[in-house]
Amino acid sequence: MIYRKLAAVLFCSLFASVNLFAQSAHTPAAGTPEREAIMDALRVSAKKDLGRVVIFRVDRLRIAEGWAFARVAPTLPNGDEIDYSKTKYREQVELGAFDPQAEALLRYEGGEWKVLDYRFGATDLESPVWAERYRFPKSILE
C-alpha cells in the first residue's frame, strides 16, 4: 500500500515537471540553426509582401512545443532601413497608420518551420486573434 502511494506521488511529480517543462518557451540565440531556419521561413513571406529580399531585426522570438511567435522588423540586407513610401504601404505611411514590423506564427512540421500566419504593417496586434484561432502554447506570447 505504501509503495502504491509512493509510486503515485512520484508519477504525479514526474508528470507535473514534464508538463511544466513542456510549456516553457525559449528564445534561440542569434546564429543558431533553429533561429536561422525560422528567419528563412519568414523571409519567404516578407519577400512576397515587400517584393525584395530582407533581413530582420528580431524584437521577439519565442518557441515552445513546435510553435514559434516572432515580431520582427525587416531591413535591407546591407542594414539600411526600407523606404516604405515606395512600397504598397505608401498610403498607410502617409496616414501615420503603419508599423514597420511583422508578426508571424510558425509551426514546425515535416522537419521545417512553416509560416501559418503573417501580418505586416499593422498598428494593432494580431497575436490575440491567433490565440483564439490556433491551439498553441501561450508561453510563446509571453
Foldseek 3Di string as FASTA:
>chain_A
DVVVVVVVVVVVVVVVVVVVVQLAKDDDDPPDPVVVLVQVQVQVVVCVQFVDGWGWDWPAWIDGDQKIKTKTATDHPVRHRDDCCPGPCVVCVVVVQFDRIKIFMWGQPPNGIHTPDMDHTGPDDCVVVVVVVDPDRCNNVD
